[in-house]
Amino acid sequence: MTSSSRLRRLLYQSTHRGTHEMDMILGAFAERFLPTFSPVQLDAFDAILQRCDPDLYERLTKPEPRAEDSDVMRRLLAFAATLSKRD
């Protein structure tokens, strides 16, 4: 898969999750950061997208530091925190 088609797929999956809240959080994150991600970071984001919405939403709204968090998950947690501060 070419990098541009992979980016399009990940962006689509980020904005068509099934829950409005996750579409907003993941979609905004993907639009902002995916174009700058390395292949390894894209792999990590792809893995995040495989998680079910309720579990991922709880993780993003009640963040607690975890040693196993990838760089991408830490960035996503920080991004989600900035969104909640704007509300």
N, C-alpha and C. Protein backbone atom coordinates (compact mmCIF):
# COMPACT_ATOMS: atom_id res chain seq x y z
N MET A 1 0.85 -1.18 0.00
CA MET A 1 0.00 0.00 0.00
C MET A 1 0.89 1.24 0.00
N THR A 2 0.58 2.17 -0.88
CA THR A 2 1.38 3.38 -0.93
C THR A 2 1.11 4.24 0.29
N SER A 3 2.04 5.12 0.58
CA SER A 3 1.87 5.95 1.77
C SER A 3 0.65 6.85 1.66
N SER A 4 0.35 7.38 0.48
CA SER A 4 -0.82 8.26 0.36
C SER A 4 -2.12 7.49 0.53
N SER A 5 -2.20 6.27 0.02
CA SER A 5 -3.42 5.49 0.22
C SER A 5 -3.54 5.05 1.67
N ARG A 6 -2.43 4.77 2.32
CA ARG A 6 -2.46 4.42 3.73
C ARG A 6 -2.93 5.61 4.57
N LEU A 7 -2.43 6.78 4.27
CA LEU A 7 -2.87 7.98 4.99
C LEU A 7 -4.36 8.20 4.80
N ARG A 8 -4.86 8.05 3.58
CA ARG A 8 -6.30 8.21 3.31
C ARG A 8 -7.12 7.19 4.10
N ARG A 9 -6.64 5.93 4.13
CA ARG A 9 -7.36 4.89 4.86
C ARG A 9 -7.40 5.21 6.35
N LEU A 10 -6.26 5.59 6.92
CA LEU A 10 -6.22 5.90 8.35
C LEU A 10 -7.07 7.12 8.68
N LEU A 11 -7.06 8.12 7.82
CA LEU A 11 -7.90 9.29 8.05
C LEU A 11 -9.37 8.91 7.99
N TYR A 12 -9.74 8.11 7.02
CA TYR A 12 -11.13 7.66 6.90
C TYR A 12 -11.54 6.88 8.16
N GLN A 13 -10.71 5.95 8.58
CA GLN A 13 -11.03 5.16 9.76
C GLN A 13 -11.10 6.02 11.02
N SER A 14 -10.37 7.11 11.03
CA SER A 14 -10.38 8.02 12.18
C SER A 14 -11.66 8.84 12.26
N THR A 15 -12.27 9.07 11.11
CA THR A 15 -13.45 9.94 11.07
C THR A 15 -14.76 9.18 10.89
N HIS A 16 -14.69 7.87 10.79
CA HIS A 16 -15.88 7.04 10.62
C HIS A 16 -15.86 5.89 11.63
N ARG A 17 -15.80 6.25 12.90
CA ARG A 17 -15.67 5.27 13.97
C ARG A 17 -17.00 4.65 14.38
N GLY A 18 -18.04 5.42 14.29
CA GLY A 18 -19.33 4.93 14.76
C GLY A 18 -19.85 5.74 15.93
N THR A 19 -18.97 6.45 16.60
CA THR A 19 -19.42 7.36 17.66
C THR A 19 -18.90 8.75 17.34
N HIS A 20 -19.77 9.71 17.51
CA HIS A 20 -19.45 11.10 17.15
C HIS A 20 -18.23 11.62 17.91
N GLU A 21 -18.14 11.32 19.18
CA GLU A 21 -17.02 11.82 20.00
C GLU A 21 -15.69 11.30 19.47
N MET A 22 -15.64 10.02 19.15
CA MET A 22 -14.38 9.45 18.66
C MET A 22 -14.06 9.97 17.27
N ASP A 23 -15.08 10.17 16.43
CA ASP A 23 -14.84 10.77 15.11
C ASP A 23 -14.18 12.13 15.27
N MET A 24 -14.67 12.91 16.21
CA MET A 24 -14.15 14.26 16.40
C MET A 24 -12.71 14.24 16.93
N ILE A 25 -12.46 13.44 17.96
CA ILE A 25 -11.13 13.39 18.57
C ILE A 25 -10.11 12.80 17.60
N LEU A 26 -10.39 11.58 17.13
CA LEU A 26 -9.42 10.90 16.27
C LEU A 26 -9.28 11.58 14.92
N GLY A 27 -10.40 12.09 14.39
CA GLY A 27 -10.34 12.77 13.10
C GLY A 27 -9.48 14.02 13.15
N ALA A 28 -9.69 14.84 14.17
CA ALA A 28 -8.89 16.07 14.31
C ALA A 28 -7.42 15.73 14.52
N PHE A 29 -7.14 14.71 15.33
CA PHE A 29 -5.77 14.29 15.57
C PHE A 29 -5.13 13.81 14.26
N ALA A 30 -5.85 12.97 13.53
CA ALA A 30 -5.32 12.41 12.28
C ALA A 30 -5.06 13.50 11.26
N GLU A 31 -5.98 14.43 11.10
CA GLU A 31 -5.78 15.51 10.14
C GLU A 31 -4.55 16.34 10.48
N ARG A 32 -4.33 16.54 11.74
CA ARG A 32 -3.20 17.38 12.17
C ARG A 32 -1.85 16.66 12.10
N PHE A 33 -1.81 15.39 12.53
CA PHE A 33 -0.52 14.73 12.73
C PHE A 33 -0.14 13.65 11.72
N LEU A 34 -1.10 12.97 11.11
CA LEU A 34 -0.74 11.85 10.23
C LEU A 34 0.24 12.22 9.13
N PRO A 35 0.09 13.38 8.48
CA PRO A 35 1.05 13.69 7.41
C PRO A 35 2.50 13.78 7.86
N THR A 36 2.72 13.97 9.15
CA THR A 36 4.10 14.11 9.66
C THR A 36 4.63 12.81 10.28
N PHE A 37 3.79 11.80 10.38
CA PHE A 37 4.18 10.57 11.06
C PHE A 37 5.11 9.71 10.20
N SER A 38 6.03 9.06 10.89
CA SER A 38 6.91 8.07 10.26
C SER A 38 6.11 6.78 10.06
N PRO A 39 6.63 5.83 9.28
CA PRO A 39 5.95 4.55 9.13
C PRO A 39 5.72 3.83 10.47
N VAL A 40 6.67 3.92 11.38
CA VAL A 40 6.51 3.29 12.69
C VAL A 40 5.36 3.96 13.47
N GLN A 41 5.28 5.27 13.41
CA GLN A 41 4.19 5.98 14.08
C GLN A 41 2.85 5.67 13.43
N LEU A 42 2.83 5.52 12.12
CA LEU A 42 1.59 5.13 11.44
C LEU A 42 1.15 3.74 11.89
N ASP A 43 2.09 2.84 12.07
CA ASP A 43 1.77 1.50 12.59
C ASP A 43 1.14 1.61 13.98
N ALA A 44 1.72 2.45 14.82
CA ALA A 44 1.19 2.62 16.18
C ALA A 44 -0.21 3.22 16.15
N PHE A 45 -0.45 4.19 15.28
CA PHE A 45 -1.78 4.79 15.17
C PHE A 45 -2.77 3.77 14.63
N ASP A 46 -2.35 2.99 13.66
CA ASP A 46 -3.21 1.93 13.12
C ASP A 46 -3.62 0.96 14.24
N ALA A 47 -2.70 0.63 15.11
CA ALA A 47 -3.01 -0.27 16.23
C ALA A 47 -4.01 0.39 17.19
N ILE A 48 -3.88 1.68 17.41
CA ILE A 48 -4.84 2.40 18.26
C ILE A 48 -6.23 2.33 17.66
N LEU A 49 -6.32 2.46 16.35
CA LEU A 49 -7.62 2.44 15.68
C LEU A 49 -8.29 1.07 15.77
N GLN A 50 -7.54 0.05 16.08
CA GLN A 50 -8.12 -1.29 16.20
C GLN A 50 -8.87 -1.49 17.53
N ARG A 51 -8.67 -0.57 18.46
CA ARG A 51 -9.34 -0.67 19.76
C ARG A 51 -10.80 -0.28 19.61
N CYS A 52 -11.65 -0.86 20.44
CA CYS A 52 -13.07 -0.53 20.38
C CYS A 52 -13.31 0.86 20.98
N ASP A 53 -14.32 1.53 20.46
CA ASP A 53 -14.59 2.92 20.85
C ASP A 53 -14.78 3.12 22.35
N PRO A 54 -15.61 2.33 23.03
CA PRO A 54 -15.79 2.59 24.47
C PRO A 54 -14.50 2.51 25.28
N ASP A 55 -13.67 1.53 24.99
CA ASP A 55 -12.39 1.40 25.71
C ASP A 55 -11.45 2.56 25.38
N LEU A 56 -11.38 2.91 24.11
CA LEU A 56 -10.49 3.99 23.70
C LEU A 56 -10.99 5.33 24.24
N TYR A 57 -12.28 5.56 24.20
CA TYR A 57 -12.83 6.81 24.72
C TYR A 57 -12.54 6.94 26.22
N GLU A 58 -12.72 5.86 26.96
CA GLU A 58 -12.42 5.91 28.39
C GLU A 58 -10.94 6.19 28.62
N ARG A 59 -10.08 5.58 27.81
CA ARG A 59 -8.63 5.80 27.93
C ARG A 59 -8.29 7.27 27.66
N LEU A 60 -8.97 7.88 26.70
CA LEU A 60 -8.66 9.26 26.34
C LEU A 60 -9.25 10.27 27.31
N THR A 61 -10.35 9.94 27.94
CA THR A 61 -10.99 10.89 28.85
C THR A 61 -10.56 10.71 30.30
N LYS A 62 -9.97 9.59 30.61
CA LYS A 62 -9.47 9.33 31.96
C LYS A 62 -8.04 8.81 31.85
N PRO A 63 -7.16 9.66 31.33
CA PRO A 63 -5.80 9.18 31.08
C PRO A 63 -5.02 8.93 32.36
N GLU A 64 -4.30 7.88 32.34
CA GLU A 64 -3.37 7.57 33.42
C GLU A 64 -2.09 7.09 32.75
N PRO A 65 -0.95 7.52 33.20
CA PRO A 65 0.30 7.13 32.55
C PRO A 65 0.50 5.62 32.58
N ARG A 66 0.92 5.11 31.46
CA ARG A 66 1.21 3.68 31.35
C ARG A 66 2.55 3.51 30.65
N ALA A 67 3.36 2.67 31.18
CA ALA A 67 4.70 2.47 30.63
C ALA A 67 4.65 1.93 29.20
N GLU A 68 3.62 1.17 28.87
CA GLU A 68 3.54 0.55 27.54
C GLU A 68 2.99 1.49 26.47
N ASP A 69 2.62 2.71 26.82
CA ASP A 69 2.09 3.66 25.85
C ASP A 69 3.13 4.00 24.79
N SER A 70 2.70 3.97 23.55
CA SER A 70 3.57 4.38 22.46
C SER A 70 3.66 5.90 22.43
N ASP A 71 4.62 6.39 21.69
CA ASP A 71 4.75 7.83 21.49
C ASP A 71 3.45 8.40 20.91
N VAL A 72 2.85 7.68 20.01
CA VAL A 72 1.61 8.15 19.38
C VAL A 72 0.47 8.20 20.39
N MET A 73 0.38 7.21 21.26
CA MET A 73 -0.67 7.24 22.29
C MET A 73 -0.46 8.41 23.23
N ARG A 74 0.77 8.67 23.62
CA ARG A 74 1.04 9.82 24.49
C ARG A 74 0.66 11.13 23.80
N ARG A 75 0.95 11.24 22.52
CA ARG A 75 0.56 12.44 21.77
C ARG A 75 -0.95 12.55 21.66
N LEU A 76 -1.62 11.43 21.43
CA LEU A 76 -3.08 11.43 21.34
C LEU A 76 -3.70 11.81 22.68
N LEU A 77 -3.17 11.31 23.77
CA LEU A 77 -3.67 11.67 25.10
C LEU A 77 -3.51 13.17 25.35
N ALA A 78 -2.36 13.72 25.00
CA ALA A 78 -2.14 15.16 25.18
C ALA A 78 -3.07 15.97 24.30
N PHE A 79 -3.28 15.52 23.07
CA PHE A 79 -4.18 16.20 22.15
C PHE A 79 -5.61 16.18 22.68
N ALA A 80 -6.08 15.03 23.14
CA ALA A 80 -7.44 14.91 23.68
C ALA A 80 -7.60 15.80 24.91
N ALA A 81 -6.56 15.91 25.71
CA ALA A 81 -6.63 16.78 26.91
C ALA A 81 -6.81 18.24 26.50
N THR A 82 -6.15 18.66 25.42
CA THR A 82 -6.32 20.05 24.98
C THR A 82 -7.73 20.30 24.46
N LEU A 83 -8.33 19.30 23.85
CA LEU A 83 -9.71 19.45 23.37
C LEU A 83 -10.67 19.60 24.53
N SER A 84 -10.47 18.83 25.57
CA SER A 84 -11.40 18.89 26.71
C SER A 84 -11.26 20.21 27.47
N LYS A 85 -10.10 20.84 27.41
CA LYS A 85 -9.90 22.13 28.07
C LYS A 85 -10.61 23.25 27.34
N ARG A 86 -10.87 23.06 26.04
CA ARG A 86 -11.54 24.09 25.25
C ARG A 86 -13.04 24.10 25.48
N ASP A 87 -13.59 23.02 25.99
CA ASP A 87 -15.05 22.92 26.20
C ASP A 87 -15.51 23.71 27.40
